Amino acid sequence: MKNSICKMIIIIMACSLFLLSGCGEESMSEEDLVDGRSAVREQSVKDVEAGNFPLFWENAEWGERQFYTLSELEKEVKDLLGDNYWPEVNLSKAELEKLTGITEDMYVDFLAEKQAFDAHIDTLMIIHAKEDYVGTIEQAMETYRSALIEQNKNYPQNLSKARASRIETIDDYICFVQLGADTTSLADKGQEAVMAHCLEENEKALYVLEQAILQ
């Protein structure tokens, strides 16, 4: 598993360097960012060996496939990122609705975890949507992401994290990842460097989530 993770990190870093080449400070547009996310994702999904991530198991007695719960999905992300996973406070249904507009009638279950203080924005959300509400939740998450970008315009490192955040629909699970942990050492290198780092962390999180949900 360590070899697979290392391979994935090397691939993502190479793609991130490609995104940074030829870009000056503040030069990356939202369109560029979307294209960059797509390029990184396509490469990582193609080249990383999914078989090295045992995210489900067979019931020894019944031979039935057993899927991870949302809390177990969260643990997989935490285990992969280690000290670079900073969300620590679980949101209630009311808090989720206040932040995103996603109401209890739209989902089967959810997990949402963010940092304790609003000044820090690392966040993981996994919404298991009811079939008829997948599109509605996707739109709510896009609106939430846009609001975060607007709210953090005066905070360069948080702005880079917000812009690098990912919304990914995997089956009927809508995942929002806004990770990156400590980006202080990258601040002097500009926002693109911070964004590239955060994209790497987000892609690693989405990779393990996708493997668990789809297998």
C-alpha atoms as a PDB file:
ATOM      1  CA  MET A   1       0.000   0.000   0.000  1.00  0.00           C
ATOM      2  CA  LYS A   2       2.876   2.388   0.791  1.00  0.00           C
ATOM      3  CA  ASN A   3       4.319   1.863  -2.686  1.00  0.00           C
ATOM      4  CA  SER A   4       0.961   2.556  -4.285  1.00  0.00           C
ATOM      5  CA  ILE A   5       0.499   5.746  -2.274  1.00  0.00           C
ATOM      6  CA  CYS A   6       4.006   6.912  -3.145  1.00  0.00           C
ATOM      7  CA  LYS A   7       3.341   6.239  -6.813  1.00  0.00           C
ATOM      8  CA  MET A   8       0.101   8.184  -6.643  1.00  0.00           C
ATOM      9  CA  ILE A   9       1.778  11.134  -4.914  1.00  0.00           C
ATOM     10  CA  ILE A  10       4.551  11.245  -7.532  1.00  0.00           C
ATOM     11  CA  ILE A  11       1.986  11.238 -10.330  1.00  0.00           C
ATOM     12  CA  ILE A  12      -0.083  13.985  -8.759  1.00  0.00           C
ATOM     13  CA  MET A  13       2.982  16.105  -8.009  1.00  0.00           C
ATOM     14  CA  ALA A  14       4.111  15.792 -11.609  1.00  0.00           C
ATOM     15  CA  CYS A  15       0.710  16.907 -12.830  1.00  0.00           C
ATOM     16  CA  SER A  16       0.707  19.770 -10.348  1.00  0.00           C
ATOM     17  CA  LEU A  17       4.096  20.964 -11.597  1.00  0.00           C
ATOM     18  CA  PHE A  18       2.669  20.953 -15.097  1.00  0.00           C
ATOM     19  CA  LEU A  19      -0.156  23.191 -13.883  1.00  0.00           C
ATOM     20  CA  LEU A  20       2.332  25.591 -12.329  1.00  0.00           C
ATOM     21  CA  SER A  21       4.638  25.868 -15.345  1.00  0.00           C
ATOM     22  CA  GLY A  22       4.199  29.085 -17.260  1.00  0.00           C
ATOM     23  CA  CYS A  23       1.867  30.564 -14.639  1.00  0.00           C
ATOM     24  CA  GLY A  24       2.637  33.823 -12.869  1.00  0.00           C
ATOM     25  CA  GLU A  25       1.277  34.956  -9.542  1.00  0.00           C
ATOM     26  CA  GLU A  26      -2.552  35.264  -9.548  1.00  0.00           C
ATOM     27  CA  SER A  27      -2.702  34.020 -13.147  1.00  0.00           C
ATOM     28  CA  MET A  28      -4.721  30.822 -12.700  1.00  0.00           C
ATOM     29  CA  SER A  29      -8.357  31.330 -13.666  1.00  0.00           C
ATOM     30  CA  GLU A  30     -11.244  29.212 -12.403  1.00  0.00           C
ATOM     31  CA  GLU A  31     -11.441  27.624 -15.862  1.00  0.00           C
ATOM     32  CA  ASP A  32      -7.735  26.736 -15.653  1.00  0.00           C
ATOM     33  CA  LEU A  33      -8.325  25.216 -12.228  1.00  0.00           C
ATOM     34  CA  VAL A  34     -11.175  23.004 -13.447  1.00  0.00           C
ATOM     35  CA  ASP A  35      -9.055  21.792 -16.367  1.00  0.00           C
ATOM     36  CA  GLY A  36      -6.161  21.132 -13.999  1.00  0.00           C
ATOM     37  CA  ARG A  37      -8.329  19.104 -11.643  1.00  0.00           C
ATOM     38  CA  SER A  38      -9.535  17.007 -14.564  1.00  0.00           C
ATOM     39  CA  ALA A  39      -6.001  16.344 -15.786  1.00  0.00           C
ATOM     40  CA  VAL A  40      -4.785  15.313 -12.346  1.00  0.00           C
ATOM     41  CA  ARG A  41      -7.765  13.062 -11.763  1.00  0.00           C
ATOM     42  CA  GLU A  42      -7.553  11.290 -15.137  1.00  0.00           C
ATOM     43  CA  GLN A  43      -3.874  10.549 -14.643  1.00  0.00           C
ATOM     44  CA  SER A  44      -4.193   9.337 -11.046  1.00  0.00           C
ATOM     45  CA  VAL A  45      -7.169   7.064 -11.748  1.00  0.00           C
ATOM     46  CA  LYS A  46      -5.410   5.577 -14.771  1.00  0.00           C
ATOM     47  CA  ASP A  47      -2.035   4.879 -13.194  1.00  0.00           C
ATOM     48  CA  VAL A  48      -2.631   4.026  -9.530  1.00  0.00           C
ATOM     49  CA  GLU A  49      -3.236   0.376  -8.694  1.00  0.00           C
ATOM     50  CA  ALA A  50      -6.630   0.248  -7.018  1.00  0.00           C
ATOM     51  CA  GLY A  51      -6.125  -3.330  -5.864  1.00  0.00           C
ATOM     52  CA  ASN A  52      -3.724  -2.178  -3.154  1.00  0.00           C
ATOM     53  CA  PHE A  53      -6.531  -0.500  -1.208  1.00  0.00           C
ATOM     54  CA  PRO A  54      -8.596  -3.201   0.605  1.00  0.00           C
ATOM     55  CA  LEU A  55     -11.595  -0.982   1.366  1.00  0.00           C
ATOM     56  CA  PHE A  56     -14.190  -3.733   1.452  1.00  0.00           C
ATOM     57  CA  TRP A  57     -14.204  -7.348   2.545  1.00  0.00           C
ATOM     58  CA  GLU A  58     -16.156 -10.577   2.097  1.00  0.00           C
ATOM     59  CA  ASN A  59     -18.208 -11.950   4.965  1.00  0.00           C
ATOM     60  CA  ALA A  60     -16.497 -15.230   5.806  1.00  0.00           C
ATOM     61  CA  GLU A  61     -19.718 -17.014   6.779  1.00  0.00           C
ATOM     62  CA  TRP A  62     -22.212 -15.696   4.240  1.00  0.00           C
ATOM     63  CA  GLY A  63     -19.953 -14.621   1.399  1.00  0.00           C
ATOM     64  CA  GLU A  64     -21.675 -11.237   1.303  1.00  0.00           C
ATOM     65  CA  ARG A  65     -19.900  -8.047   0.364  1.00  0.00           C
ATOM     66  CA  GLN A  66     -19.599  -5.591   3.261  1.00  0.00           C
ATOM     67  CA  PHE A  67     -19.339  -1.862   2.559  1.00  0.00           C
ATOM     68  CA  TYR A  68     -17.777   0.800   4.722  1.00  0.00           C
ATOM     69  CA  THR A  69     -19.966   3.150   6.725  1.00  0.00           C
ATOM     70  CA  LEU A  70     -19.491   6.904   6.366  1.00  0.00           C
ATOM     71  CA  SER A  71     -17.404   7.026   9.539  1.00  0.00           C
ATOM     72  CA  GLU A  72     -15.204   4.250   8.162  1.00  0.00           C
ATOM     73  CA  LEU A  73     -14.802   6.172   4.895  1.00  0.00           C
ATOM     74  CA  GLU A  74     -13.714   9.156   6.950  1.00  0.00           C
ATOM     75  CA  LYS A  75     -11.204   6.985   8.812  1.00  0.00           C
ATOM     76  CA  GLU A  76      -9.672   5.834   5.522  1.00  0.00           C
ATOM     77  CA  VAL A  77      -9.063   9.458   4.543  1.00  0.00           C
ATOM     78  CA  LYS A  78      -7.625  10.225   7.980  1.00  0.00           C
ATOM     79  CA  ASP A  79      -5.338   7.196   7.874  1.00  0.00           C
ATOM     80  CA  LEU A  80      -4.057   8.149   4.421  1.00  0.00           C
ATOM     81  CA  LEU A  81      -3.383  11.820   5.173  1.00  0.00           C
ATOM     82  CA  GLY A  82      -2.210  11.317   8.750  1.00  0.00           C
ATOM     83  CA  ASP A  83      -1.186  14.565  10.429  1.00  0.00           C
ATOM     84  CA  ASN A  84      -2.229  16.436   7.283  1.00  0.00           C
ATOM     85  CA  TYR A  85      -5.885  15.747   8.042  1.00  0.00           C
ATOM     86  CA  TRP A  86      -7.126  18.714  10.081  1.00  0.00           C
ATOM     87  CA  PRO A  87     -10.965  18.588  10.263  1.00  0.00           C
ATOM     88  CA  GLU A  88     -11.945  17.704  13.815  1.00  0.00           C
ATOM     89  CA  VAL A  89     -15.532  18.786  14.565  1.00  0.00           C
ATOM     90  CA  ASN A  90     -18.585  16.896  13.309  1.00  0.00           C
ATOM     91  CA  LEU A  91     -21.474  19.027  12.077  1.00  0.00           C
ATOM     92  CA  SER A  92     -25.049  18.382  13.130  1.00  0.00           C
ATOM     93  CA  LYS A  93     -27.973  18.183  10.689  1.00  0.00           C
ATOM     94  CA  ALA A  94     -28.920  21.740  11.605  1.00  0.00           C
ATOM     95  CA  GLU A  95     -25.370  22.999  11.044  1.00  0.00           C
ATOM     96  CA  LEU A  96     -25.157  21.235   7.683  1.00  0.00           C
ATOM     97  CA  GLU A  97     -28.412  22.852   6.605  1.00  0.00           C
ATOM     98  CA  LYS A  98     -27.288  26.287   7.782  1.00  0.00           C
ATOM     99  CA  LEU A  99     -24.005  26.041   5.866  1.00  0.00           C
ATOM    100  CA  THR A 100     -25.208  24.419   2.661  1.00  0.00           C
ATOM    101  CA  GLY A 101     -29.006  24.497   2.534  1.00  0.00           C
ATOM    102  CA  ILE A 102     -29.056  20.677   2.380  1.00  0.00           C
ATOM    103  CA  THR A 103     -32.044  19.455   4.396  1.00  0.00           C
ATOM    104  CA  GLU A 104     -32.632  16.123   6.101  1.00  0.00           C
ATOM    105  CA  ASP A 105     -35.220  15.003   3.546  1.00  0.00           C
ATOM    106  CA  MET A 106     -32.572  15.087   0.765  1.00  0.00           C
ATOM    107  CA  TYR A 107     -30.199  12.418   2.057  1.00  0.00           C
ATOM    108  CA  VAL A 108     -30.002   8.931   3.501  1.00  0.00           C
ATOM    109  CA  ASP A 109     -27.068   9.827   5.726  1.00  0.00           C
ATOM    110  CA  PHE A 110     -24.233  12.327   5.884  1.00  0.00           C
ATOM    111  CA  LEU A 111     -20.885  13.011   7.457  1.00  0.00           C
ATOM    112  CA  ALA A 112     -19.507  16.533   7.661  1.00  0.00           C
ATOM    113  CA  GLU A 113     -16.377  17.484   9.556  1.00  0.00           C
ATOM    114  CA  LYS A 114     -14.560  20.811   9.675  1.00  0.00           C
ATOM    115  CA  GLN A 115     -12.020  22.618  11.819  1.00  0.00           C
ATOM    116  CA  ALA A 116     -13.082  24.023  15.146  1.00  0.00           C
ATOM    117  CA  PHE A 117     -12.402  27.660  14.304  1.00  0.00           C
ATOM    118  CA  ASP A 118     -13.928  29.444  11.342  1.00  0.00           C
ATOM    119  CA  ALA A 119     -10.578  31.034  10.532  1.00  0.00           C
ATOM    120  CA  HIS A 120      -9.413  27.595   9.346  1.00  0.00           C
ATOM    121  CA  ILE A 121     -11.360  25.932   6.555  1.00  0.00           C
ATOM    122  CA  ASP A 122     -10.188  22.327   6.062  1.00  0.00           C
ATOM    123  CA  THR A 123     -13.410  20.368   5.521  1.00  0.00           C
ATOM    124  CA  LEU A 124     -14.643  16.899   4.531  1.00  0.00           C
ATOM    125  CA  MET A 125     -18.283  16.232   3.655  1.00  0.00           C
ATOM    126  CA  ILE A 126     -19.825  13.001   2.383  1.00  0.00           C
ATOM    127  CA  ILE A 127     -23.546  13.153   1.615  1.00  0.00           C
ATOM    128  CA  HIS A 128     -25.339   9.895   0.759  1.00  0.00           C
ATOM    129  CA  ALA A 129     -28.105  11.434  -1.326  1.00  0.00           C
ATOM    130  CA  LYS A 130     -31.564  10.094  -1.935  1.00  0.00           C
ATOM    131  CA  GLU A 131     -31.854   9.232  -5.623  1.00  0.00           C
ATOM    132  CA  ASP A 132     -34.125  12.159  -6.505  1.00  0.00           C
ATOM    133  CA  TYR A 133     -31.890  14.703  -4.766  1.00  0.00           C
ATOM    134  CA  VAL A 134     -28.440  14.003  -6.215  1.00  0.00           C
ATOM    135  CA  GLY A 135     -28.607  17.012  -8.557  1.00  0.00           C
ATOM    136  CA  THR A 136     -30.077  19.253  -5.869  1.00  0.00           C
ATOM    137  CA  ILE A 137     -27.281  18.433  -3.443  1.00  0.00           C
ATOM    138  CA  GLU A 138     -24.641  18.908  -6.130  1.00  0.00           C
ATOM    139  CA  GLN A 139     -25.986  22.396  -6.809  1.00  0.00           C
ATOM    140  CA  ALA A 140     -26.129  23.194  -3.087  1.00  0.00           C
ATOM    141  CA  MET A 141     -22.499  22.167  -2.714  1.00  0.00           C
ATOM    142  CA  GLU A 142     -21.460  24.278  -5.716  1.00  0.00           C
ATOM    143  CA  THR A 143     -23.208  27.276  -4.159  1.00  0.00           C
ATOM    144  CA  TYR A 144     -21.495  26.572  -0.832  1.00  0.00           C
ATOM    145  CA  ARG A 145     -18.100  26.344  -2.537  1.00  0.00           C
ATOM    146  CA  SER A 146     -18.640  29.631  -4.395  1.00  0.00           C
ATOM    147  CA  ALA A 147     -19.592  31.317  -1.120  1.00  0.00           C
ATOM    148  CA  LEU A 148     -16.406  30.042   0.543  1.00  0.00           C
ATOM    149  CA  ILE A 149     -14.289  31.471  -2.261  1.00  0.00           C
ATOM    150  CA  GLU A 150     -16.025  34.828  -1.886  1.00  0.00           C
ATOM    151  CA  GLN A 151     -15.715  34.838   1.906  1.00  0.00           C
ATOM    152  CA  ASN A 152     -11.975  34.173   1.804  1.00  0.00           C
ATOM    153  CA  LYS A 153     -10.925  36.679  -0.845  1.00  0.00           C
ATOM    154  CA  ASN A 154      -8.940  38.641   1.731  1.00  0.00           C
ATOM    155  CA  TYR A 155      -7.207  35.565   3.163  1.00  0.00           C
ATOM    156  CA  PRO A 156      -4.752  34.300   0.523  1.00  0.00           C
ATOM    157  CA  GLN A 157      -3.974  30.850   1.950  1.00  0.00           C
ATOM    158  CA  ASN A 158      -7.623  30.086   2.714  1.00  0.00           C
ATOM    159  CA  LEU A 159      -8.607  31.419  -0.704  1.00  0.00           C
ATOM    160  CA  SER A 160      -6.206  28.991  -2.353  1.00  0.00           C
ATOM    161  CA  LYS A 161      -7.678  26.124  -0.335  1.00  0.00           C
ATOM    162  CA  ALA A 162     -11.203  27.138  -1.282  1.00  0.00           C
ATOM    163  CA  ARG A 163     -10.338  27.401  -4.963  1.00  0.00           C
ATOM    164  CA  ALA A 164      -8.602  23.999  -4.862  1.00  0.00           C
ATOM    165  CA  SER A 165     -11.603  22.324  -3.181  1.00  0.00           C
ATOM    166  CA  ARG A 166     -13.302  19.483  -5.036  1.00  0.00           C
ATOM    167  CA  ILE A 167     -16.903  18.350  -5.376  1.00  0.00           C
ATOM    168  CA  GLU A 168     -17.148  14.794  -6.674  1.00  0.00           C
ATOM    169  CA  THR A 169     -20.265  12.664  -7.158  1.00  0.00           C
ATOM    170  CA  ILE A 170     -19.470   8.981  -6.725  1.00  0.00           C
ATOM    171  CA  ASP A 171     -22.557   6.866  -7.374  1.00  0.00           C
ATOM    172  CA  ASP A 172     -25.121   8.639  -5.145  1.00  0.00           C
ATOM    173  CA  TYR A 173     -22.544  10.020  -2.718  1.00  0.00           C
ATOM    174  CA  ILE A 174     -21.623  13.689  -3.091  1.00  0.00           C
ATOM    175  CA  CYS A 175     -18.177  14.328  -1.641  1.00  0.00           C
ATOM    176  CA  PHE A 176     -16.740  17.748  -0.817  1.00  0.00           C
ATOM    177  CA  VAL A 177     -13.048  17.842   0.033  1.00  0.00           C
ATOM    178  CA  GLN A 178     -11.261  21.008   1.072  1.00  0.00           C
ATOM    179  CA  LEU A 179      -7.999  19.837   2.553  1.00  0.00           C
ATOM    180  CA  GLY A 180      -4.347  20.845   2.628  1.00  0.00           C
ATOM    181  CA  ALA A 181      -3.447  21.315   6.317  1.00  0.00           C
ATOM    182  CA  ASP A 182      -0.475  23.622   6.947  1.00  0.00           C
ATOM    183  CA  THR A 183       0.395  25.634   3.826  1.00  0.00           C
ATOM    184  CA  THR A 184       2.531  28.249   5.611  1.00  0.00           C
ATOM    185  CA  SER A 185       5.788  27.053   4.061  1.00  0.00           C
ATOM    186  CA  LEU A 186       4.293  27.493   0.582  1.00  0.00           C
ATOM    187  CA  ALA A 187       2.936  30.994   1.108  1.00  0.00           C
ATOM    188  CA  ASP A 188       6.052  32.713  -0.246  1.00  0.00           C
ATOM    189  CA  LYS A 189       5.806  30.686  -3.453  1.00  0.00           C
ATOM    190  CA  GLY A 190       2.429  32.155  -4.352  1.00  0.00           C
ATOM    191  CA  GLN A 191      -1.170  31.043  -4.517  1.00  0.00           C
ATOM    192  CA  GLU A 192      -0.611  28.579  -7.354  1.00  0.00           C
ATOM    193  CA  ALA A 193       1.866  26.627  -5.217  1.00  0.00           C
ATOM    194  CA  VAL A 194      -0.619  26.467  -2.342  1.00  0.00           C
ATOM    195  CA  MET A 195      -3.395  25.416  -4.699  1.00  0.00           C
ATOM    196  CA  ALA A 196      -1.271  22.676  -6.251  1.00  0.00           C
ATOM    197  CA  HIS A 197      -0.491  21.260  -2.809  1.00  0.00           C
ATOM    198  CA  CYS A 198      -4.151  21.334  -1.767  1.00  0.00           C
ATOM    199  CA  LEU A 199      -5.209  19.695  -5.035  1.00  0.00           C
ATOM    200  CA  GLU A 200      -2.824  16.827  -4.286  1.00  0.00           C
ATOM    201  CA  GLU A 201      -4.328  16.314  -0.834  1.00  0.00           C
ATOM    202  CA  ASN A 202      -7.881  16.491  -2.194  1.00  0.00           C
ATOM    203  CA  GLU A 203      -7.114  13.988  -4.953  1.00  0.00           C
ATOM    204  CA  LYS A 204      -5.669  11.516  -2.464  1.00  0.00           C
ATOM    205  CA  ALA A 205      -8.810  11.781  -0.330  1.00  0.00           C
ATOM    206  CA  LEU A 206     -11.113  11.344  -3.325  1.00  0.00           C
ATOM    207  CA  TYR A 207      -9.136   8.366  -4.529  1.00  0.00           C
ATOM    208  CA  VAL A 208      -9.730   6.298  -1.401  1.00  0.00           C
ATOM    209  CA  LEU A 209     -13.366   7.405  -1.230  1.00  0.00           C
ATOM    210  CA  GLU A 210     -13.979   6.350  -4.830  1.00  0.00           C
ATOM    211  CA  GLN A 211     -12.348   2.990  -4.359  1.00  0.00           C
ATOM    212  CA  ALA A 212     -14.469   2.275  -1.288  1.00  0.00           C
ATOM    213  CA  ILE A 213     -17.790   3.441  -2.727  1.00  0.00           C
ATOM    214  CA  LEU A 214     -17.551   1.884  -6.174  1.00  0.00           C
ATOM    215  CA  GLN A 215     -16.033  -1.511  -5.410  1.00  0.00           C
END
